[in-house]
Amino acid sequence: MAKVNLRKGIIMEERIRGKDIMGKTVVSKEGRKFGSVGDVTFDPSTGELLKLVLTNVTQYAKNLLGSEMRIPFSAVVSIGDFVILSEEDLV
């Protein structure tokens, strides 16, 4: 799968599928590791990805997210070898 930048207004010809990001490491733009994608939640009527469910959660992510180990997909800025998110979109 090619790297997809979600913030540059690029029109994607192929949809991002949950199975394509399962197991990928989640990091912030600032380089902080959050964990890995263990599951995703999506809207069954549209197929839109809503949240990433984290596994192997780091202490940093636990401190920032509390008991909610889910990242809104709207915070994701890029997907390639890693899932990169914007921390400011989490707060």
N, C-alpha and C. Protein backbone atom coordinates (compact mmCIF):
# COMPACT_ATOMS: atom_id res chain seq x y z
N MET A 1 0.85 -1.18 0.00
CA MET A 1 0.00 0.00 0.00
C MET A 1 0.89 1.24 0.00
N ALA A 2 0.58 2.17 -0.83
CA ALA A 2 1.33 3.42 -0.91
C ALA A 2 1.04 4.30 0.29
N LYS A 3 1.97 5.18 0.58
CA LYS A 3 1.77 6.13 1.67
C LYS A 3 0.63 7.06 1.30
N VAL A 4 -0.25 7.30 2.26
CA VAL A 4 -1.41 8.15 2.02
C VAL A 4 -1.33 9.34 2.97
N ASN A 5 -1.32 10.55 2.44
CA ASN A 5 -1.33 11.74 3.27
C ASN A 5 -2.75 12.28 3.29
N LEU A 6 -3.34 12.29 4.47
CA LEU A 6 -4.75 12.62 4.60
C LEU A 6 -5.01 14.12 4.76
N ARG A 7 -3.97 14.92 4.98
CA ARG A 7 -4.16 16.34 5.23
C ARG A 7 -3.85 17.24 4.04
N LYS A 8 -3.36 16.70 2.96
CA LYS A 8 -2.94 17.52 1.83
C LYS A 8 -4.01 17.67 0.77
N GLY A 9 -5.20 17.16 1.00
CA GLY A 9 -6.25 17.28 0.03
C GLY A 9 -6.08 16.36 -1.17
N ILE A 10 -5.31 15.30 -0.98
CA ILE A 10 -5.10 14.35 -2.07
C ILE A 10 -6.36 13.51 -2.24
N ILE A 11 -6.80 13.37 -3.47
CA ILE A 11 -7.95 12.53 -3.75
C ILE A 11 -7.45 11.10 -3.86
N MET A 12 -8.00 10.22 -3.03
CA MET A 12 -7.55 8.84 -3.02
C MET A 12 -8.45 8.01 -3.92
N GLU A 13 -7.84 7.23 -4.78
CA GLU A 13 -8.61 6.36 -5.65
C GLU A 13 -8.98 5.07 -4.95
N GLU A 14 -8.19 4.69 -3.94
CA GLU A 14 -8.53 3.47 -3.22
C GLU A 14 -8.80 3.83 -1.77
N ARG A 15 -9.76 3.18 -1.18
CA ARG A 15 -10.12 3.46 0.20
C ARG A 15 -9.13 2.81 1.14
N ILE A 16 -8.97 3.40 2.30
CA ILE A 16 -8.14 2.80 3.33
C ILE A 16 -8.98 1.73 4.00
N ARG A 17 -8.46 0.53 4.02
CA ARG A 17 -9.18 -0.58 4.65
C ARG A 17 -8.57 -0.86 6.01
N GLY A 18 -9.43 -1.18 6.97
CA GLY A 18 -8.97 -1.47 8.32
C GLY A 18 -7.91 -2.54 8.36
N LYS A 19 -8.08 -3.58 7.55
CA LYS A 19 -7.12 -4.68 7.58
C LYS A 19 -5.74 -4.26 7.09
N ASP A 20 -5.67 -3.18 6.31
CA ASP A 20 -4.38 -2.70 5.81
C ASP A 20 -3.58 -1.96 6.88
N ILE A 21 -4.23 -1.51 7.93
CA ILE A 21 -3.49 -0.78 8.97
C ILE A 21 -3.36 -1.57 10.28
N MET A 22 -3.98 -2.75 10.33
CA MET A 22 -3.88 -3.58 11.54
C MET A 22 -2.42 -3.93 11.82
N GLY A 23 -2.03 -3.77 13.06
CA GLY A 23 -0.67 -4.11 13.48
C GLY A 23 0.35 -3.02 13.26
N LYS A 24 0.00 -1.96 12.52
CA LYS A 24 0.96 -0.88 12.29
C LYS A 24 1.20 -0.10 13.58
N THR A 25 2.42 0.38 13.73
CA THR A 25 2.79 1.20 14.87
C THR A 25 2.20 2.59 14.71
N VAL A 26 1.64 3.12 15.81
CA VAL A 26 1.04 4.45 15.82
C VAL A 26 1.99 5.40 16.52
N VAL A 27 2.38 6.46 15.82
CA VAL A 27 3.26 7.48 16.38
C VAL A 27 2.68 8.86 16.09
N SER A 28 3.10 9.83 16.89
CA SER A 28 2.65 11.21 16.65
C SER A 28 3.62 11.90 15.71
N LYS A 29 3.19 13.04 15.17
CA LYS A 29 4.07 13.85 14.32
C LYS A 29 5.33 14.24 15.08
N GLU A 30 5.21 14.32 16.40
CA GLU A 30 6.34 14.70 17.25
C GLU A 30 7.27 13.52 17.52
N GLY A 31 6.91 12.34 17.04
CA GLY A 31 7.76 11.17 17.19
C GLY A 31 7.48 10.31 18.41
N ARG A 32 6.40 10.59 19.13
CA ARG A 32 6.07 9.80 20.33
C ARG A 32 5.27 8.57 19.93
N LYS A 33 5.68 7.42 20.45
CA LYS A 33 5.01 6.16 20.15
C LYS A 33 3.78 6.01 21.04
N PHE A 34 2.68 5.55 20.44
CA PHE A 34 1.43 5.34 21.17
C PHE A 34 1.11 3.86 21.36
N GLY A 35 1.50 3.03 20.43
CA GLY A 35 1.19 1.61 20.48
C GLY A 35 1.01 1.08 19.08
N SER A 36 0.17 0.06 18.94
CA SER A 36 -0.11 -0.54 17.64
C SER A 36 -1.61 -0.56 17.39
N VAL A 37 -2.00 -0.60 16.12
CA VAL A 37 -3.41 -0.71 15.77
C VAL A 37 -3.84 -2.16 16.00
N GLY A 38 -4.75 -2.37 16.95
CA GLY A 38 -5.24 -3.71 17.26
C GLY A 38 -6.58 -3.99 16.61
N ASP A 39 -7.34 -2.93 16.39
CA ASP A 39 -8.66 -3.07 15.79
C ASP A 39 -9.10 -1.69 15.31
N VAL A 40 -10.18 -1.66 14.57
CA VAL A 40 -10.76 -0.39 14.11
C VAL A 40 -12.26 -0.44 14.32
N THR A 41 -12.85 0.72 14.48
CA THR A 41 -14.31 0.82 14.47
C THR A 41 -14.69 1.62 13.24
N PHE A 42 -15.81 1.27 12.64
CA PHE A 42 -16.24 1.94 11.42
C PHE A 42 -17.75 2.01 11.37
N ASP A 43 -18.24 2.90 10.53
CA ASP A 43 -19.67 3.05 10.29
C ASP A 43 -20.07 1.99 9.27
N PRO A 44 -20.89 1.02 9.67
CA PRO A 44 -21.23 -0.06 8.74
C PRO A 44 -22.01 0.40 7.51
N SER A 45 -22.70 1.51 7.61
CA SER A 45 -23.49 1.95 6.45
C SER A 45 -22.64 2.64 5.38
N THR A 46 -21.51 3.26 5.81
CA THR A 46 -20.67 3.98 4.85
C THR A 46 -19.29 3.36 4.69
N GLY A 47 -18.88 2.54 5.66
CA GLY A 47 -17.53 1.98 5.65
C GLY A 47 -16.47 2.94 6.15
N GLU A 48 -16.89 4.13 6.59
CA GLU A 48 -15.94 5.13 7.07
C GLU A 48 -15.28 4.66 8.37
N LEU A 49 -13.94 4.76 8.42
CA LEU A 49 -13.21 4.43 9.64
C LEU A 49 -13.47 5.53 10.67
N LEU A 50 -13.81 5.13 11.87
CA LEU A 50 -14.12 6.09 12.93
C LEU A 50 -13.01 6.19 13.97
N LYS A 51 -12.54 5.03 14.45
CA LYS A 51 -11.53 5.03 15.52
C LYS A 51 -10.56 3.88 15.33
N LEU A 52 -9.34 4.11 15.80
CA LEU A 52 -8.33 3.07 15.88
C LEU A 52 -8.29 2.60 17.33
N VAL A 53 -8.32 1.31 17.55
CA VAL A 53 -8.22 0.74 18.89
C VAL A 53 -6.77 0.30 19.07
N LEU A 54 -6.12 0.83 20.11
CA LEU A 54 -4.71 0.56 20.33
C LEU A 54 -4.47 -0.70 21.15
N THR A 55 -3.39 -1.38 20.83
CA THR A 55 -2.85 -2.46 21.66
C THR A 55 -1.39 -2.13 21.93
N ASN A 56 -0.78 -2.86 22.85
CA ASN A 56 0.62 -2.61 23.22
C ASN A 56 0.82 -1.11 23.50
N VAL A 57 -0.09 -0.56 24.29
CA VAL A 57 -0.14 0.88 24.54
C VAL A 57 1.05 1.31 25.40
N THR A 58 1.68 2.41 25.01
CA THR A 58 2.81 2.94 25.78
C THR A 58 2.30 3.72 26.99
N GLN A 59 3.19 3.95 27.93
CA GLN A 59 2.83 4.72 29.12
C GLN A 59 2.46 6.15 28.73
N TYR A 60 3.15 6.71 27.74
CA TYR A 60 2.82 8.06 27.28
C TYR A 60 1.38 8.13 26.80
N ALA A 61 0.95 7.15 26.00
CA ALA A 61 -0.42 7.13 25.49
C ALA A 61 -1.42 6.96 26.63
N LYS A 62 -1.09 6.11 27.60
CA LYS A 62 -1.99 5.93 28.75
C LYS A 62 -2.16 7.24 29.51
N ASN A 63 -1.07 7.98 29.69
CA ASN A 63 -1.15 9.27 30.39
C ASN A 63 -1.99 10.28 29.62
N LEU A 64 -1.86 10.27 28.30
CA LEU A 64 -2.59 11.24 27.47
C LEU A 64 -4.05 10.86 27.27
N LEU A 65 -4.31 9.58 27.04
CA LEU A 65 -5.66 9.13 26.69
C LEU A 65 -6.48 8.65 27.88
N GLY A 66 -5.84 8.38 29.00
CA GLY A 66 -6.56 7.81 30.14
C GLY A 66 -6.98 6.38 29.83
N SER A 67 -8.17 6.02 30.20
CA SER A 67 -8.63 4.65 29.98
C SER A 67 -9.16 4.41 28.56
N GLU A 68 -9.33 5.48 27.79
CA GLU A 68 -9.85 5.37 26.42
C GLU A 68 -8.70 5.08 25.47
N MET A 69 -8.57 3.85 25.06
CA MET A 69 -7.46 3.46 24.18
C MET A 69 -7.88 3.48 22.72
N ARG A 70 -8.66 4.47 22.38
CA ARG A 70 -9.14 4.63 21.01
C ARG A 70 -8.72 6.01 20.50
N ILE A 71 -8.28 6.01 19.26
CA ILE A 71 -7.84 7.26 18.61
C ILE A 71 -8.86 7.59 17.53
N PRO A 72 -9.43 8.79 17.54
CA PRO A 72 -10.35 9.15 16.45
C PRO A 72 -9.58 9.16 15.12
N PHE A 73 -10.17 8.59 14.10
CA PHE A 73 -9.49 8.52 12.81
C PHE A 73 -9.23 9.92 12.26
N SER A 74 -9.99 10.89 12.70
CA SER A 74 -9.78 12.28 12.26
C SER A 74 -8.43 12.83 12.72
N ALA A 75 -7.80 12.20 13.72
CA ALA A 75 -6.48 12.63 14.20
C ALA A 75 -5.35 12.06 13.36
N VAL A 76 -5.64 11.11 12.47
CA VAL A 76 -4.62 10.49 11.63
C VAL A 76 -4.28 11.44 10.49
N VAL A 77 -2.97 11.70 10.32
CA VAL A 77 -2.54 12.61 9.25
C VAL A 77 -1.86 11.88 8.10
N SER A 78 -1.34 10.69 8.35
CA SER A 78 -0.64 9.97 7.30
C SER A 78 -0.58 8.48 7.62
N ILE A 79 -0.61 7.66 6.59
CA ILE A 79 -0.49 6.21 6.75
C ILE A 79 0.53 5.72 5.74
N GLY A 80 1.54 5.04 6.23
CA GLY A 80 2.57 4.44 5.39
C GLY A 80 3.09 3.24 6.16
N ASP A 81 4.38 3.23 6.44
CA ASP A 81 4.94 2.18 7.30
C ASP A 81 4.40 2.32 8.72
N PHE A 82 4.06 3.55 9.10
CA PHE A 82 3.49 3.86 10.41
C PHE A 82 2.16 4.59 10.20
N VAL A 83 1.35 4.60 11.25
CA VAL A 83 0.17 5.47 11.29
C VAL A 83 0.60 6.70 12.07
N ILE A 84 0.57 7.85 11.44
CA ILE A 84 1.02 9.08 12.08
C ILE A 84 -0.19 9.92 12.43
N LEU A 85 -0.21 10.39 13.68
CA LEU A 85 -1.34 11.19 14.13
C LEU A 85 -0.90 12.52 14.66
N SER A 86 -1.86 13.41 14.78
CA SER A 86 -1.64 14.75 15.32
C SER A 86 -2.11 14.77 16.76
N GLU A 87 -1.18 14.99 17.68
CA GLU A 87 -1.54 15.02 19.11
C GLU A 87 -2.53 16.14 19.42
N GLU A 88 -2.40 17.29 18.75
CA GLU A 88 -3.30 18.39 19.05
C GLU A 88 -4.75 18.06 18.71
N ASP A 89 -4.96 17.11 17.81
CA ASP A 89 -6.32 16.68 17.47
C ASP A 89 -6.90 15.70 18.48
N LEU A 90 -6.09 15.28 19.45
CA LEU A 90 -6.55 14.36 20.49
C LEU A 90 -7.07 15.09 21.70
N VAL A 91 -6.64 16.32 21.89
CA VAL A 91 -6.97 17.06 23.11
C VAL A 91 -8.19 17.92 22.92
